[in-house]
Amino acid sequence: MKKILVPTDFSKHAEYALKVAAQIAKKDNSEIILIHMLELPTTGNDAITTSHEIPELMLFKNAAISKLDSIMNSPYLDGIKISKVLQFELAFDGIMNNGKSHNADLIIMGSHGASGFQEMFIGSNTEKVVRNSDVPVLVIKKEEENFNAENFVFASDFSDEIKKPFEKVVDFANKFNSHIHLVNINTPNNFKSTSVAQKIMDKFTAEFKINRFSTHIYNDINVEKGILHFAKDINADLIGMSTHGRKGIAHFFNGSISEDLVNHAKRPVITFKI
């Protein structure tokens, strides 16, 4: 894991993400790229090039640079290679573009979650990044003074399409010496007998070299609740899932379990794009 991208809006949740990034960077000798996007309102004109707004733009820019420099001098970042990026760009676009241009191996973001009307119609930049990023996204919900991925829950149906992203799951888990709890959530609408579900999981895992893992079959009323309940039962440190990255009307009607988990889980969540 060479490069970790950490977006910040200078909130406490963004700081939680950066502190976890620092812990990972120290263990893996990684570089942190700290980015902040200046989102400025426009009135149909290009706000960046409109001459009468340049002093205001410079004020915002200089204030942001000062905040970034202050963050980069935090004691918890001592000894870590870290660079900053400041751009006039929409947050989501900036995160995605910088992830690609810097060849990031991991994106770490903070999130306080969302619910109700806001979750359905507005969403968050974190949700959109989770949905679209080809790079694994680790979402931090609260301060993690000692980030630990010892008990790593990975929920899946273990179909063939999961095999490619699962290579990244195994790589991540092996680096952290995690015990992966592979879980198949059995629901009333998609029920499999224990023997059938176990055969599917055994066949799937036989193709990978996983240092430490166990398989589980867990019954619940839906997949999201099953993952949350199972993670609580084993006191998981981290929840992982693959995401389809559905967009447009398909996403509106089908939703995304990964995005729901990002909103509702109290534990860190990591997603891997199919």
C-alpha atoms as a PDB file:
ATOM      1  CA  MET A   1       0.000   0.000   0.000  1.00  0.00           C
ATOM      2  CA  LYS A   2       2.079   2.891  -1.318  1.00  0.00           C
ATOM      3  CA  LYS A   3      -0.340   5.831  -1.468  1.00  0.00           C
ATOM      4  CA  ILE A   4      -3.322   6.699   0.726  1.00  0.00           C
ATOM      5  CA  LEU A   5      -5.664   9.475  -0.378  1.00  0.00           C
ATOM      6  CA  VAL A   6      -7.419  11.346   2.436  1.00  0.00           C
ATOM      7  CA  PRO A   7      -9.978  14.050   1.561  1.00  0.00           C
ATOM      8  CA  THR A   8     -10.618  16.658   4.230  1.00  0.00           C
ATOM      9  CA  ASP A   9     -13.264  19.304   4.787  1.00  0.00           C
ATOM     10  CA  PHE A  10     -11.575  20.209   8.105  1.00  0.00           C
ATOM     11  CA  SER A  11     -14.333  18.488  10.090  1.00  0.00           C
ATOM     12  CA  LYS A  12     -13.726  16.225  13.075  1.00  0.00           C
ATOM     13  CA  HIS A  13     -14.790  13.191  11.022  1.00  0.00           C
ATOM     14  CA  ALA A  14     -12.193  14.022   8.381  1.00  0.00           C
ATOM     15  CA  GLU A  15      -9.623  14.197  11.178  1.00  0.00           C
ATOM     16  CA  TYR A  16     -10.695  10.757  12.393  1.00  0.00           C
ATOM     17  CA  ALA A  17      -9.990   9.439   8.874  1.00  0.00           C
ATOM     18  CA  LEU A  18      -6.591  11.124   8.730  1.00  0.00           C
ATOM     19  CA  LYS A  19      -5.580   9.674  12.087  1.00  0.00           C
ATOM     20  CA  VAL A  20      -6.397   6.170  10.845  1.00  0.00           C
ATOM     21  CA  ALA A  21      -4.467   6.888   7.639  1.00  0.00           C
ATOM     22  CA  ALA A  22      -1.487   7.890   9.771  1.00  0.00           C
ATOM     23  CA  GLN A  23      -1.629   4.620  11.694  1.00  0.00           C
ATOM     24  CA  ILE A  24      -1.757   2.592   8.471  1.00  0.00           C
ATOM     25  CA  ALA A  25       0.978   4.677   6.822  1.00  0.00           C
ATOM     26  CA  LYS A  26       3.346   4.096   9.755  1.00  0.00           C
ATOM     27  CA  LYS A  27       2.786   0.345   9.629  1.00  0.00           C
ATOM     28  CA  ASP A  28       3.103   0.079   5.860  1.00  0.00           C
ATOM     29  CA  ASN A  29       5.526   2.951   5.132  1.00  0.00           C
ATOM     30  CA  SER A  30       2.892   4.595   2.924  1.00  0.00           C
ATOM     31  CA  GLU A  31       2.587   8.138   1.631  1.00  0.00           C
ATOM     32  CA  ILE A  32      -0.492  10.206   2.520  1.00  0.00           C
ATOM     33  CA  ILE A  33      -1.993  12.607   0.002  1.00  0.00           C
ATOM     34  CA  LEU A  34      -4.201  15.083   1.864  1.00  0.00           C
ATOM     35  CA  ILE A  35      -6.659  16.845  -0.429  1.00  0.00           C
ATOM     36  CA  HIS A  36      -9.158  19.658  -0.020  1.00  0.00           C
ATOM     37  CA  MET A  37     -11.540  20.838  -2.713  1.00  0.00           C
ATOM     38  CA  LEU A  38     -12.730  24.445  -2.727  1.00  0.00           C
ATOM     39  CA  GLU A  39     -16.333  24.303  -3.854  1.00  0.00           C
ATOM     40  CA  LEU A  40     -17.456  27.818  -4.735  1.00  0.00           C
ATOM     41  CA  PRO A  41     -20.948  28.845  -5.866  1.00  0.00           C
ATOM     42  CA  THR A  42     -21.352  30.211  -9.366  1.00  0.00           C
ATOM     43  CA  THR A  43     -24.096  32.255 -11.015  1.00  0.00           C
ATOM     44  CA  GLY A  44     -23.683  30.986 -14.544  1.00  0.00           C
ATOM     45  CA  ASN A  45     -20.237  32.517 -14.983  1.00  0.00           C
ATOM     46  CA  ASP A  46     -16.870  30.957 -14.338  1.00  0.00           C
ATOM     47  CA  ALA A  47     -16.257  32.052 -10.747  1.00  0.00           C
ATOM     48  CA  ILE A  48     -12.580  31.228 -10.929  1.00  0.00           C
ATOM     49  CA  THR A  49     -11.866  33.612 -13.792  1.00  0.00           C
ATOM     50  CA  THR A  50     -14.288  36.412 -12.937  1.00  0.00           C
ATOM     51  CA  SER A  51     -11.959  39.286 -12.045  1.00  0.00           C
ATOM     52  CA  HIS A  52     -14.085  40.939  -9.369  1.00  0.00           C
ATOM     53  CA  GLU A  53     -14.174  37.665  -7.381  1.00  0.00           C
ATOM     54  CA  ILE A  54     -10.434  36.964  -7.413  1.00  0.00           C
ATOM     55  CA  PRO A  55      -9.745  38.637  -4.017  1.00  0.00           C
ATOM     56  CA  GLU A  56     -12.462  36.496  -2.421  1.00  0.00           C
ATOM     57  CA  LEU A  57     -11.079  33.370  -4.074  1.00  0.00           C
ATOM     58  CA  MET A  58      -7.593  34.130  -2.799  1.00  0.00           C
ATOM     59  CA  LEU A  59      -8.990  34.641   0.692  1.00  0.00           C
ATOM     60  CA  PHE A  60     -10.622  31.205   0.627  1.00  0.00           C
ATOM     61  CA  LYS A  61      -7.525  29.634  -0.883  1.00  0.00           C
ATOM     62  CA  ASN A  62      -5.099  31.148   1.616  1.00  0.00           C
ATOM     63  CA  ALA A  63      -7.312  30.160   4.536  1.00  0.00           C
ATOM     64  CA  ALA A  64      -7.470  26.586   3.248  1.00  0.00           C
ATOM     65  CA  ILE A  65      -3.689  26.444   2.737  1.00  0.00           C
ATOM     66  CA  SER A  66      -3.186  27.655   6.306  1.00  0.00           C
ATOM     67  CA  LYS A  67      -5.530  24.960   7.633  1.00  0.00           C
ATOM     68  CA  LEU A  68      -3.834  22.232   5.571  1.00  0.00           C
ATOM     69  CA  ASP A  69      -0.386  23.318   6.744  1.00  0.00           C
ATOM     70  CA  SER A  70      -1.584  23.296  10.351  1.00  0.00           C
ATOM     71  CA  ILE A  71      -2.999  19.786   9.977  1.00  0.00           C
ATOM     72  CA  MET A  72       0.202  18.526   8.346  1.00  0.00           C
ATOM     73  CA  ASN A  73       2.167  19.708  11.385  1.00  0.00           C
ATOM     74  CA  SER A  74       0.077  17.549  13.720  1.00  0.00           C
ATOM     75  CA  PRO A  75       2.229  15.327  15.960  1.00  0.00           C
ATOM     76  CA  TYR A  76       0.423  12.149  14.861  1.00  0.00           C
ATOM     77  CA  LEU A  77       1.785  12.711  11.325  1.00  0.00           C
ATOM     78  CA  ASP A  78       5.429  12.917  12.411  1.00  0.00           C
ATOM     79  CA  GLY A  79       7.705  10.726  10.313  1.00  0.00           C
ATOM     80  CA  ILE A  80       5.118  10.191   7.550  1.00  0.00           C
ATOM     81  CA  LYS A  81       5.617  11.336   3.980  1.00  0.00           C
ATOM     82  CA  ILE A  82       2.650  13.602   3.324  1.00  0.00           C
ATOM     83  CA  SER A  83       1.733  16.014   0.553  1.00  0.00           C
ATOM     84  CA  LYS A  84      -1.220  18.358   0.126  1.00  0.00           C
ATOM     85  CA  VAL A  85      -3.488  19.093  -2.820  1.00  0.00           C
ATOM     86  CA  LEU A  86      -5.777  22.125  -2.968  1.00  0.00           C
ATOM     87  CA  GLN A  87      -8.031  22.607  -5.980  1.00  0.00           C
ATOM     88  CA  PHE A  88     -11.089  24.529  -7.111  1.00  0.00           C
ATOM     89  CA  GLU A  89     -13.297  21.556  -7.926  1.00  0.00           C
ATOM     90  CA  LEU A  90     -16.417  19.763  -6.735  1.00  0.00           C
ATOM     91  CA  ALA A  91     -15.478  17.474  -3.859  1.00  0.00           C
ATOM     92  CA  PHE A  92     -16.583  14.224  -5.485  1.00  0.00           C
ATOM     93  CA  ASP A  93     -14.909  15.031  -8.819  1.00  0.00           C
ATOM     94  CA  GLY A  94     -11.720  16.094  -7.073  1.00  0.00           C
ATOM     95  CA  ILE A  95     -11.537  12.941  -4.989  1.00  0.00           C
ATOM     96  CA  MET A  96     -12.078  10.672  -7.975  1.00  0.00           C
ATOM     97  CA  ASN A  97      -9.665  12.565 -10.234  1.00  0.00           C
ATOM     98  CA  ASN A  98      -6.915  12.722  -7.618  1.00  0.00           C
ATOM     99  CA  GLY A  99      -7.355   9.075  -6.781  1.00  0.00           C
ATOM    100  CA  LYS A 100      -6.569   8.247 -10.402  1.00  0.00           C
ATOM    101  CA  SER A 101      -3.843  10.839 -11.024  1.00  0.00           C
ATOM    102  CA  HIS A 102      -1.925   9.860  -7.872  1.00  0.00           C
ATOM    103  CA  ASN A 103      -2.473   6.122  -8.364  1.00  0.00           C
ATOM    104  CA  ALA A 104      -3.879   5.822  -4.851  1.00  0.00           C
ATOM    105  CA  ASP A 105      -4.092   2.326  -3.383  1.00  0.00           C
ATOM    106  CA  LEU A 106      -6.633   3.281  -0.740  1.00  0.00           C
ATOM    107  CA  ILE A 107      -9.029   6.159  -0.045  1.00  0.00           C
ATOM    108  CA  ILE A 108      -9.862   6.858   3.591  1.00  0.00           C
ATOM    109  CA  MET A 109     -12.828   9.106   4.351  1.00  0.00           C
ATOM    110  CA  GLY A 110     -14.734  10.196   7.419  1.00  0.00           C
ATOM    111  CA  SER A 111     -18.506  10.039   7.583  1.00  0.00           C
ATOM    112  CA  HIS A 112     -21.135  10.830  10.186  1.00  0.00           C
ATOM    113  CA  GLY A 113     -23.768   8.956   8.199  1.00  0.00           C
ATOM    114  CA  ALA A 114     -27.146  10.171   6.991  1.00  0.00           C
ATOM    115  CA  SER A 115     -30.734   9.151   7.368  1.00  0.00           C
ATOM    116  CA  GLY A 116     -34.226   9.739   6.089  1.00  0.00           C
ATOM    117  CA  PHE A 117     -34.835  12.402   3.433  1.00  0.00           C
ATOM    118  CA  GLN A 118     -31.188  13.471   3.270  1.00  0.00           C
ATOM    119  CA  GLU A 119     -29.957   9.912   2.739  1.00  0.00           C
ATOM    120  CA  MET A 120     -32.445   9.210  -0.050  1.00  0.00           C
ATOM    121  CA  PHE A 121     -32.277  12.424  -2.061  1.00  0.00           C
ATOM    122  CA  ILE A 122     -29.005  14.141  -1.232  1.00  0.00           C
ATOM    123  CA  GLY A 123     -26.556  11.492  -0.080  1.00  0.00           C
ATOM    124  CA  SER A 124     -22.983  12.377   0.749  1.00  0.00           C
ATOM    125  CA  ASN A 125     -19.666  12.619  -1.033  1.00  0.00           C
ATOM    126  CA  THR A 126     -18.582   9.540   0.896  1.00  0.00           C
ATOM    127  CA  GLU A 127     -21.518   7.539  -0.472  1.00  0.00           C
ATOM    128  CA  LYS A 128     -20.781   8.665  -4.025  1.00  0.00           C
ATOM    129  CA  VAL A 129     -17.108   7.763  -3.708  1.00  0.00           C
ATOM    130  CA  VAL A 130     -18.026   4.345  -2.286  1.00  0.00           C
ATOM    131  CA  ARG A 131     -20.368   3.795  -5.226  1.00  0.00           C
ATOM    132  CA  ASN A 132     -17.935   4.835  -7.952  1.00  0.00           C
ATOM    133  CA  SER A 133     -14.350   4.354  -6.797  1.00  0.00           C
ATOM    134  CA  ASP A 134     -12.255   1.621  -8.403  1.00  0.00           C
ATOM    135  CA  VAL A 135      -9.906   1.997  -5.425  1.00  0.00           C
ATOM    136  CA  PRO A 136     -10.883   0.425  -2.069  1.00  0.00           C
ATOM    137  CA  VAL A 137     -12.571   2.973   0.201  1.00  0.00           C
ATOM    138  CA  LEU A 138     -12.230   2.816   3.985  1.00  0.00           C
ATOM    139  CA  VAL A 139     -14.897   4.805   5.827  1.00  0.00           C
ATOM    140  CA  ILE A 140     -14.250   5.881   9.416  1.00  0.00           C
ATOM    141  CA  LYS A 141     -17.228   6.796  11.613  1.00  0.00           C
ATOM    142  CA  LYS A 142     -15.582   7.808  14.889  1.00  0.00           C
ATOM    143  CA  GLU A 143     -12.166   8.307  16.436  1.00  0.00           C
ATOM    144  CA  GLU A 144     -10.128   5.102  16.313  1.00  0.00           C
ATOM    145  CA  GLU A 145      -7.161   5.621  18.625  1.00  0.00           C
ATOM    146  CA  ASN A 146      -5.823   2.186  17.757  1.00  0.00           C
ATOM    147  CA  PHE A 147      -7.186   1.125  14.368  1.00  0.00           C
ATOM    148  CA  ASN A 148      -7.335  -2.640  14.298  1.00  0.00           C
ATOM    149  CA  ALA A 149      -8.499  -5.006  11.561  1.00  0.00           C
ATOM    150  CA  GLU A 150      -8.033  -8.194  13.589  1.00  0.00           C
ATOM    151  CA  ASN A 151     -11.663  -9.301  13.230  1.00  0.00           C
ATOM    152  CA  PHE A 152     -12.570  -8.456   9.654  1.00  0.00           C
ATOM    153  CA  VAL A 153     -16.093  -9.351   8.520  1.00  0.00           C
ATOM    154  CA  PHE A 154     -16.511  -9.758   4.774  1.00  0.00           C
ATOM    155  CA  ALA A 155     -20.076 -10.369   3.648  1.00  0.00           C
ATOM    156  CA  SER A 156     -20.850 -11.716   0.191  1.00  0.00           C
ATOM    157  CA  ASP A 157     -22.878 -14.170  -1.862  1.00  0.00           C
ATOM    158  CA  PHE A 158     -19.503 -15.587  -3.035  1.00  0.00           C
ATOM    159  CA  SER A 159     -20.495 -15.627  -6.691  1.00  0.00           C
ATOM    160  CA  ASP A 160     -17.953 -15.629  -9.522  1.00  0.00           C
ATOM    161  CA  GLU A 161     -18.163 -11.848 -10.000  1.00  0.00           C
ATOM    162  CA  ILE A 162     -16.766 -11.356  -6.488  1.00  0.00           C
ATOM    163  CA  LYS A 163     -13.528 -13.211  -7.269  1.00  0.00           C
ATOM    164  CA  LYS A 164     -11.633 -10.296  -8.796  1.00  0.00           C
ATOM    165  CA  PRO A 165     -12.341  -7.739  -6.020  1.00  0.00           C
ATOM    166  CA  PHE A 166     -11.784 -10.474  -3.445  1.00  0.00           C
ATOM    167  CA  GLU A 167      -8.107 -10.571  -4.443  1.00  0.00           C
ATOM    168  CA  LYS A 168      -7.822  -7.059  -2.967  1.00  0.00           C
ATOM    169  CA  VAL A 169      -9.729  -8.179   0.120  1.00  0.00           C
ATOM    170  CA  VAL A 170      -7.234 -10.989   0.711  1.00  0.00           C
ATOM    171  CA  ASP A 171      -4.285  -8.687   0.097  1.00  0.00           C
ATOM    172  CA  PHE A 172      -5.642  -6.149   2.606  1.00  0.00           C
ATOM    173  CA  ALA A 173      -6.379  -8.824   5.227  1.00  0.00           C
ATOM    174  CA  ASN A 174      -3.006 -10.520   4.861  1.00  0.00           C
ATOM    175  CA  LYS A 175      -1.191  -7.189   5.269  1.00  0.00           C
ATOM    176  CA  PHE A 176      -3.059  -6.535   8.508  1.00  0.00           C
ATOM    177  CA  ASN A 177      -2.847 -10.155   9.642  1.00  0.00           C
ATOM    178  CA  SER A 178      -6.623 -10.078   9.887  1.00  0.00           C
ATOM    179  CA  HIS A 179      -8.848 -13.007  10.600  1.00  0.00           C
ATOM    180  CA  ILE A 180     -11.469 -12.768   7.841  1.00  0.00           C
ATOM    181  CA  HIS A 181     -14.919 -13.842   8.940  1.00  0.00           C
ATOM    182  CA  LEU A 182     -16.531 -14.722   5.617  1.00  0.00           C
ATOM    183  CA  VAL A 183     -20.271 -14.555   6.071  1.00  0.00           C
ATOM    184  CA  ASN A 184     -23.182 -15.471   3.843  1.00  0.00           C
ATOM    185  CA  ILE A 185     -26.365 -13.761   5.024  1.00  0.00           C
ATOM    186  CA  ASN A 186     -29.384 -16.003   4.549  1.00  0.00           C
ATOM    187  CA  THR A 187     -32.627 -14.075   4.100  1.00  0.00           C
ATOM    188  CA  PRO A 188     -36.234 -15.225   3.556  1.00  0.00           C
ATOM    189  CA  ASN A 189     -36.156 -13.852   0.006  1.00  0.00           C
ATOM    190  CA  ASN A 190     -32.880 -15.557  -0.885  1.00  0.00           C
ATOM    191  CA  PHE A 191     -32.704 -18.657   1.282  1.00  0.00           C
ATOM    192  CA  LYS A 192     -30.129 -21.417   0.876  1.00  0.00           C
ATOM    193  CA  SER A 193     -29.805 -24.513   2.998  1.00  0.00           C
ATOM    194  CA  THR A 194     -26.750 -24.653   5.232  1.00  0.00           C
ATOM    195  CA  SER A 195     -25.173 -27.436   3.155  1.00  0.00           C
ATOM    196  CA  VAL A 196     -25.644 -25.570  -0.136  1.00  0.00           C
ATOM    197  CA  ALA A 197     -24.344 -22.264   1.263  1.00  0.00           C
ATOM    198  CA  GLN A 198     -21.339 -24.000   2.819  1.00  0.00           C
ATOM    199  CA  LYS A 199     -20.426 -25.752  -0.441  1.00  0.00           C
ATOM    200  CA  ILE A 200     -20.518 -22.419  -2.294  1.00  0.00           C
ATOM    201  CA  MET A 201     -18.204 -20.822   0.272  1.00  0.00           C
ATOM    202  CA  ASP A 202     -15.813 -23.778   0.358  1.00  0.00           C
ATOM    203  CA  LYS A 203     -15.493 -23.783  -3.421  1.00  0.00           C
ATOM    204  CA  PHE A 204     -14.936 -20.023  -3.448  1.00  0.00           C
ATOM    205  CA  THR A 205     -12.240 -19.944  -0.741  1.00  0.00           C
ATOM    206  CA  ALA A 206     -10.333 -22.879  -2.263  1.00  0.00           C
ATOM    207  CA  GLU A 207      -9.111 -20.550  -5.024  1.00  0.00           C
ATOM    208  CA  PHE A 208      -7.397 -18.077  -2.663  1.00  0.00           C
ATOM    209  CA  LYS A 209      -4.489 -18.135  -0.263  1.00  0.00           C
ATOM    210  CA  ILE A 210      -5.992 -16.590   2.858  1.00  0.00           C
ATOM    211  CA  ASN A 211      -3.781 -16.591   5.910  1.00  0.00           C
ATOM    212  CA  ARG A 212      -6.554 -16.647   8.514  1.00  0.00           C
ATOM    213  CA  PHE A 213     -10.255 -17.110   7.877  1.00  0.00           C
ATOM    214  CA  SER A 214     -13.457 -18.818   8.916  1.00  0.00           C
ATOM    215  CA  THR A 215     -16.826 -19.204   7.184  1.00  0.00           C
ATOM    216  CA  HIS A 216     -20.228 -18.402   8.652  1.00  0.00           C
ATOM    217  CA  ILE A 217     -23.864 -18.641   7.612  1.00  0.00           C
ATOM    218  CA  TYR A 218     -26.117 -16.122   9.354  1.00  0.00           C
ATOM    219  CA  ASN A 219     -29.902 -15.835   9.138  1.00  0.00           C
ATOM    220  CA  ASP A 220     -31.670 -12.480   9.268  1.00  0.00           C
ATOM    221  CA  ILE A 221     -34.558 -10.575   7.738  1.00  0.00           C
ATOM    222  CA  ASN A 222     -32.339  -8.726   5.217  1.00  0.00           C
ATOM    223  CA  VAL A 223     -28.687  -8.553   4.236  1.00  0.00           C
ATOM    224  CA  GLU A 224     -27.862  -5.195   5.863  1.00  0.00           C
ATOM    225  CA  LYS A 225     -29.329  -6.143   9.239  1.00  0.00           C
ATOM    226  CA  GLY A 226     -27.640  -9.520   9.032  1.00  0.00           C
ATOM    227  CA  ILE A 227     -24.216  -7.953   8.484  1.00  0.00           C
ATOM    228  CA  LEU A 228     -24.691  -5.431  11.294  1.00  0.00           C
ATOM    229  CA  HIS A 229     -25.973  -8.058  13.732  1.00  0.00           C
ATOM    230  CA  PHE A 230     -23.232 -10.564  12.865  1.00  0.00           C
ATOM    231  CA  ALA A 231     -20.535  -7.882  13.195  1.00  0.00           C
ATOM    232  CA  LYS A 232     -21.913  -6.987  16.621  1.00  0.00           C
ATOM    233  CA  ASP A 233     -22.083 -10.636  17.699  1.00  0.00           C
ATOM    234  CA  ILE A 234     -18.384 -11.227  17.018  1.00  0.00           C
ATOM    235  CA  ASN A 235     -17.314  -7.697  18.021  1.00  0.00           C
ATOM    236  CA  ALA A 236     -15.855  -7.029  14.574  1.00  0.00           C
ATOM    237  CA  ASP A 237     -13.220  -4.357  14.042  1.00  0.00           C
ATOM    238  CA  LEU A 238     -14.025  -3.834  10.369  1.00  0.00           C
ATOM    239  CA  ILE A 239     -16.812  -4.641   7.898  1.00  0.00           C
ATOM    240  CA  GLY A 240     -16.030  -5.252   4.231  1.00  0.00           C
ATOM    241  CA  MET A 241     -18.190  -5.602   1.136  1.00  0.00           C
ATOM    242  CA  SER A 242     -17.989  -5.462  -2.626  1.00  0.00           C
ATOM    243  CA  THR A 243     -20.073  -2.813  -4.348  1.00  0.00           C
ATOM    244  CA  HIS A 244     -21.643  -2.875  -7.802  1.00  0.00           C
ATOM    245  CA  GLY A 245     -21.477   0.870  -8.325  1.00  0.00           C
ATOM    246  CA  ARG A 246     -25.027   1.105  -9.615  1.00  0.00           C
ATOM    247  CA  LYS A 247     -25.950   4.506 -11.013  1.00  0.00           C
ATOM    248  CA  GLY A 248     -29.027   6.421 -12.067  1.00  0.00           C
ATOM    249  CA  ILE A 249     -32.456   4.826 -11.855  1.00  0.00           C
ATOM    250  CA  ALA A 250     -31.044   1.359 -11.166  1.00  0.00           C
ATOM    251  CA  HIS A 251     -29.376   2.699  -8.041  1.00  0.00           C
ATOM    252  CA  PHE A 252     -32.516   4.585  -6.956  1.00  0.00           C
ATOM    253  CA  PHE A 253     -34.702   1.466  -7.079  1.00  0.00           C
ATOM    254  CA  ASN A 254     -32.178  -1.187  -6.069  1.00  0.00           C
ATOM    255  CA  GLY A 255     -30.144   0.833  -3.594  1.00  0.00           C
ATOM    256  CA  SER A 256     -26.758  -0.258  -2.374  1.00  0.00           C
ATOM    257  CA  ILE A 257     -26.106  -2.356   0.708  1.00  0.00           C
ATOM    258  CA  SER A 258     -22.581  -0.948   0.870  1.00  0.00           C
ATOM    259  CA  GLU A 259     -23.855   2.628   0.967  1.00  0.00           C
ATOM    260  CA  ASP A 260     -26.465   1.701   3.565  1.00  0.00           C
ATOM    261  CA  LEU A 261     -23.708   0.222   5.713  1.00  0.00           C
ATOM    262  CA  VAL A 262     -21.617   3.368   5.307  1.00  0.00           C
ATOM    263  CA  ASN A 263     -24.574   5.331   6.638  1.00  0.00           C
ATOM    264  CA  HIS A 264     -25.709   3.024   9.422  1.00  0.00           C
ATOM    265  CA  ALA A 265     -22.712   1.040  10.684  1.00  0.00           C
ATOM    266  CA  LYS A 266     -20.905   2.272  13.768  1.00  0.00           C
ATOM    267  CA  ARG A 267     -17.808   0.297  12.814  1.00  0.00           C
ATOM    268  CA  PRO A 268     -15.354   1.153  10.017  1.00  0.00           C
ATOM    269  CA  VAL A 269     -16.475  -0.088   6.595  1.00  0.00           C
ATOM    270  CA  ILE A 270     -14.249  -0.891   3.619  1.00  0.00           C
ATOM    271  CA  THR A 271     -15.633  -1.391   0.111  1.00  0.00           C
ATOM    272  CA  PHE A 272     -14.144  -3.018  -2.976  1.00  0.00           C
ATOM    273  CA  LYS A 273     -15.536  -2.273  -6.444  1.00  0.00           C
ATOM    274  CA  ILE A 274     -16.700  -5.185  -8.589  1.00  0.00           C
END
